[in-house]
Amino acid sequence: MEQLVFLHIPKCAGRSMIDLLGRNYFNILIMNNMQVLSQIPKWELETYDLIAGHMNYQYIKALGFKTMTVVRDPLERTISQYNHFMTMETSALEADVMIKDNYTFIDFVTSSDPNISFWTNMYTSQFGGDGGGVLDIRTFIKRAETSIEEIDFVGIFEQMDETVSRVKDRYHLEGDFNKIGKTPKKNRIAELTKKEKKIAREYLTPDYTLYNKALEMFNA
């Protein structure tokens, strides 16, 4: 079985995909901390069959593994991220600030706080950023566009049945894909007006550029 990296983008069914991959690969590293990952020697990383987690593509592509990921409509993904931060019990700096200051969804999307804005145009950040810390993600849109074309497989959340079927065929996987976890409706916070959706989509333009490219690749 080929060595594989699963780039887990938050709120894109990553846990369910990792569960499927984890039942097929045996020597696995799940890593959500880029600082820790960057300290692991390359020779050690090359001993794993599967590396999965919230990672930066610019760093992991140097390993030479095939890389796969799943993307989701950026507005829906960002709504889910906002709901997660505003309802979770956490010590995460971003969530603490947002809860303390009673952020609205538009506050979240338009925030100038780099720690918070990092979580909005997430595709641009993970595909185009260099993993060196909090960065202006719009700087990296061109590099992100190139990167998404280099990735071996990009699945689409909204076409998950077809995505899973292709993933299983491509990487010779067996087993069922677990149901995607969703926030109970009673806990949902962001209920947007048409005007708010328009504002949010404008701020999410970098990620929509990448999402639309992924759709073209997937449906070609």
Protein backbone atom coordinates (compact mmCIF):
# COMPACT_ATOMS: atom_id res chain seq x y z
CA MET A 1 0.00 0.00 0.00
CA GLU A 2 1.33 3.43 -0.96
CA GLN A 3 2.40 5.94 1.66
CA LEU A 4 -0.26 8.61 2.01
CA VAL A 5 -0.80 11.97 3.69
CA PHE A 6 -4.36 13.00 4.50
CA LEU A 7 -4.55 16.77 4.83
CA HIS A 8 -7.40 17.14 7.33
CA ILE A 9 -9.11 20.47 6.80
CA PRO A 10 -11.35 21.28 9.80
CA LYS A 11 -15.09 20.78 9.30
CA CYS A 12 -14.73 18.77 6.08
CA ALA A 13 -15.57 15.25 7.33
CA GLY A 14 -11.95 14.64 8.23
CA ARG A 15 -12.58 12.49 11.27
CA SER A 16 -14.78 10.12 9.29
CA MET A 17 -12.18 9.92 6.52
CA ILE A 18 -9.37 9.30 9.01
CA ASP A 19 -11.44 6.49 10.53
CA LEU A 20 -11.79 4.84 7.10
CA LEU A 21 -8.10 5.28 6.32
CA GLY A 22 -7.12 4.08 9.80
CA ARG A 23 -8.86 0.76 9.25
CA ASN A 24 -6.72 0.16 6.17
CA TYR A 25 -3.32 1.54 7.12
CA PHE A 26 -1.45 0.15 10.11
CA ASN A 27 1.55 2.35 10.85
CA ILE A 28 -0.19 5.69 11.35
CA LEU A 29 0.78 9.13 12.66
CA ILE A 30 -2.04 11.54 13.46
CA MET A 31 -0.61 15.00 13.98
CA ASN A 32 -2.44 18.31 14.39
CA ASN A 33 0.50 20.42 15.53
CA MET A 34 2.76 21.76 12.77
CA GLN A 35 5.41 22.85 15.26
CA VAL A 36 5.72 19.32 16.64
CA LEU A 37 5.54 17.75 13.18
CA SER A 38 8.36 19.92 11.86
CA GLN A 39 10.63 18.65 14.64
CA ILE A 40 10.22 15.00 13.65
CA PRO A 41 13.13 13.86 11.42
CA LYS A 42 12.22 13.11 7.82
CA TRP A 43 13.60 9.58 8.08
CA GLU A 44 11.17 8.89 10.94
CA LEU A 45 8.19 10.34 9.06
CA GLU A 46 9.07 8.11 6.12
CA THR A 47 8.51 5.04 8.33
CA TYR A 48 4.76 5.76 8.51
CA ASP A 49 2.28 4.39 6.00
CA LEU A 50 -0.22 7.15 6.72
CA ILE A 51 0.20 10.65 8.17
CA ALA A 52 -3.03 12.52 8.87
CA GLY A 53 -4.01 15.74 10.55
CA HIS A 54 -4.23 19.53 10.34
CA MET A 55 -1.05 20.12 8.40
CA ASN A 56 0.45 22.61 5.99
CA TYR A 57 0.78 21.31 2.44
CA GLN A 58 3.95 23.27 1.65
CA TYR A 59 5.73 21.34 4.40
CA ILE A 60 4.36 17.86 3.88
CA LYS A 61 4.81 17.81 0.11
CA ALA A 62 8.57 17.61 0.71
CA LEU A 63 8.04 14.11 2.11
CA GLY A 64 7.18 12.82 -1.35
CA PHE A 65 4.05 10.99 -0.15
CA LYS A 66 0.86 11.12 -2.16
CA THR A 67 -1.51 13.63 -0.56
CA MET A 68 -5.29 13.68 -0.44
CA THR A 69 -7.86 15.98 1.14
CA VAL A 70 -11.56 16.88 1.15
CA VAL A 71 -12.95 20.40 0.72
CA ARG A 72 -16.39 21.84 1.40
CA ASP A 73 -18.37 24.90 0.31
CA PRO A 74 -16.36 27.63 2.11
CA LEU A 75 -19.38 29.40 3.60
CA GLU A 76 -20.78 26.18 5.03
CA ARG A 77 -17.38 25.16 6.34
CA THR A 78 -16.88 28.55 7.99
CA ILE A 79 -20.34 28.49 9.56
CA SER A 80 -19.50 25.10 11.03
CA GLN A 81 -16.16 26.43 12.31
CA TYR A 82 -17.88 29.40 13.94
CA ASN A 83 -20.50 27.20 15.59
CA HIS A 84 -17.76 24.92 16.85
CA PHE A 85 -15.82 27.75 18.47
CA MET A 86 -18.89 29.40 20.00
CA THR A 87 -20.33 26.23 21.54
CA MET A 88 -17.22 24.33 22.60
CA GLU A 89 -15.73 24.20 26.06
CA THR A 90 -12.13 24.90 25.26
CA SER A 91 -8.98 26.71 26.23
CA ALA A 92 -8.31 27.59 22.57
CA LEU A 93 -7.30 31.23 22.34
CA GLU A 94 -9.54 31.92 19.35
CA ALA A 95 -12.66 30.49 20.97
CA ASP A 96 -11.95 32.22 24.26
CA VAL A 97 -11.69 35.61 22.54
CA MET A 98 -14.77 35.04 20.42
CA ILE A 99 -16.94 33.92 23.32
CA LYS A 100 -15.69 36.70 25.60
CA ASP A 101 -16.36 39.38 22.96
CA ASN A 102 -19.62 37.77 21.82
CA TYR A 103 -18.58 37.53 18.18
CA THR A 104 -21.26 37.41 15.54
CA PHE A 105 -20.59 35.30 12.46
CA ILE A 106 -19.76 38.42 10.45
CA ASP A 107 -17.36 39.51 13.21
CA PHE A 108 -15.64 36.15 12.80
CA VAL A 109 -15.38 36.29 9.00
CA THR A 110 -14.20 39.91 8.88
CA SER A 111 -11.90 39.80 11.92
CA SER A 112 -8.51 41.49 11.58
CA ASP A 113 -7.12 39.34 14.40
CA PRO A 114 -4.71 37.02 12.52
CA ASN A 115 -5.31 34.17 14.98
CA ILE A 116 -9.01 34.28 14.15
CA SER A 117 -8.86 35.13 10.43
CA PHE A 118 -6.61 32.07 10.01
CA TRP A 119 -9.74 29.93 10.50
CA THR A 120 -11.82 31.54 7.77
CA ASN A 121 -9.98 31.21 4.42
CA MET A 122 -8.65 27.87 5.60
CA TYR A 123 -7.92 26.31 2.19
CA THR A 124 -5.76 29.25 1.17
CA SER A 125 -3.87 28.98 4.44
CA GLN A 126 -3.28 25.23 4.41
CA PHE A 127 -2.45 24.92 0.70
CA GLY A 128 -0.56 28.18 0.23
CA GLY A 129 0.94 29.13 3.58
CA ASP A 130 4.41 28.00 4.58
CA GLY A 131 3.52 26.77 8.07
CA GLY A 132 5.75 29.35 9.67
CA GLY A 133 3.10 30.91 11.89
CA VAL A 134 0.11 33.21 11.53
CA LEU A 135 0.25 34.79 8.08
CA ASP A 136 -1.78 36.96 5.74
CA ILE A 137 -3.43 34.10 3.86
CA ARG A 138 -4.41 36.26 0.89
CA THR A 139 -0.71 36.56 0.09
CA PHE A 140 -0.63 32.88 -0.76
CA ILE A 141 -3.61 32.44 -3.09
CA LYS A 142 -1.47 31.89 -6.21
CA ARG A 143 0.69 29.31 -4.48
CA ALA A 144 -2.44 27.64 -3.15
CA GLU A 145 -3.91 27.38 -6.66
CA THR A 146 -0.76 25.63 -7.84
CA SER A 147 -0.74 23.36 -4.80
CA ILE A 148 -4.28 22.10 -5.21
CA GLU A 149 -3.36 20.88 -8.70
CA GLU A 150 -0.42 18.93 -7.23
CA ILE A 151 -2.52 17.04 -4.68
CA ASP A 152 -3.19 13.46 -5.73
CA PHE A 153 -6.88 13.53 -4.84
CA VAL A 154 -9.25 16.29 -3.70
CA GLY A 155 -12.70 15.11 -2.62
CA ILE A 156 -15.84 17.19 -2.34
CA PHE A 157 -17.88 17.21 0.88
CA GLU A 158 -21.13 17.90 -0.98
CA GLN A 159 -20.48 14.85 -3.17
CA MET A 160 -19.36 12.59 -0.37
CA ASP A 161 -20.77 9.30 -1.67
CA GLU A 162 -18.84 9.71 -4.92
CA THR A 163 -15.80 10.99 -3.01
CA VAL A 164 -15.71 7.90 -0.77
CA SER A 165 -16.19 5.58 -3.74
CA ARG A 166 -13.28 7.17 -5.58
CA VAL A 167 -11.05 7.19 -2.49
CA LYS A 168 -11.68 3.49 -1.89
CA ASP A 169 -10.91 2.63 -5.50
CA ARG A 170 -7.87 4.89 -5.76
CA TYR A 171 -6.18 3.73 -2.55
CA HIS A 172 -7.58 0.19 -2.42
CA LEU A 173 -9.50 0.68 0.82
CA GLU A 174 -12.09 -1.57 2.42
CA GLY A 175 -14.84 -0.90 4.94
CA ASP A 176 -17.73 1.47 5.47
CA PHE A 177 -17.51 5.23 5.77
CA ASN A 178 -18.88 6.34 9.13
CA LYS A 179 -21.68 8.87 9.31
CA ILE A 180 -20.40 12.43 9.31
CA GLY A 181 -20.80 14.09 12.68
CA LYS A 182 -22.96 17.21 12.75
CA THR A 183 -23.69 19.83 15.37
CA PRO A 184 -27.22 19.27 16.77
CA LYS A 185 -29.59 21.86 15.29
CA LYS A 186 -30.48 23.21 18.74
CA ASN A 187 -26.83 24.19 19.22
CA ARG A 188 -26.44 25.97 15.90
CA ILE A 189 -25.75 29.66 16.29
CA ALA A 190 -25.20 31.20 12.85
CA GLU A 191 -28.48 31.87 11.05
CA LEU A 192 -27.55 34.27 8.26
CA THR A 193 -29.56 36.74 6.23
CA LYS A 194 -29.02 36.99 2.47
CA LYS A 195 -27.03 40.17 3.02
CA GLU A 196 -24.79 38.49 5.59
CA LYS A 197 -24.19 35.54 3.26
CA LYS A 198 -23.17 37.94 0.50
CA ILE A 199 -20.74 39.74 2.81
CA ALA A 200 -19.29 36.44 4.01
CA ARG A 201 -18.82 35.07 0.50
CA GLU A 202 -16.93 38.21 -0.49
CA TYR A 203 -14.52 37.74 2.41
CA LEU A 204 -14.19 34.07 1.53
CA THR A 205 -13.30 34.78 -2.11
CA PRO A 206 -9.79 33.22 -1.80
CA ASP A 207 -11.25 29.92 -0.59
CA TYR A 208 -14.04 30.00 -3.19
CA THR A 209 -11.35 30.32 -5.88
CA LEU A 210 -9.78 27.09 -4.61
CA TYR A 211 -13.08 25.32 -3.99
CA ASN A 212 -14.26 26.05 -7.53
CA LYS A 213 -10.97 24.74 -8.90
CA ALA A 214 -11.43 21.57 -6.82
CA LEU A 215 -14.96 21.17 -8.19
CA GLU A 216 -13.65 21.47 -11.76
CA MET A 217 -11.00 18.86 -11.06
CA PHE A 218 -13.46 16.51 -9.38
CA ASN A 219 -16.13 16.77 -12.08
CA ALA A 220 -13.76 16.73 -15.07
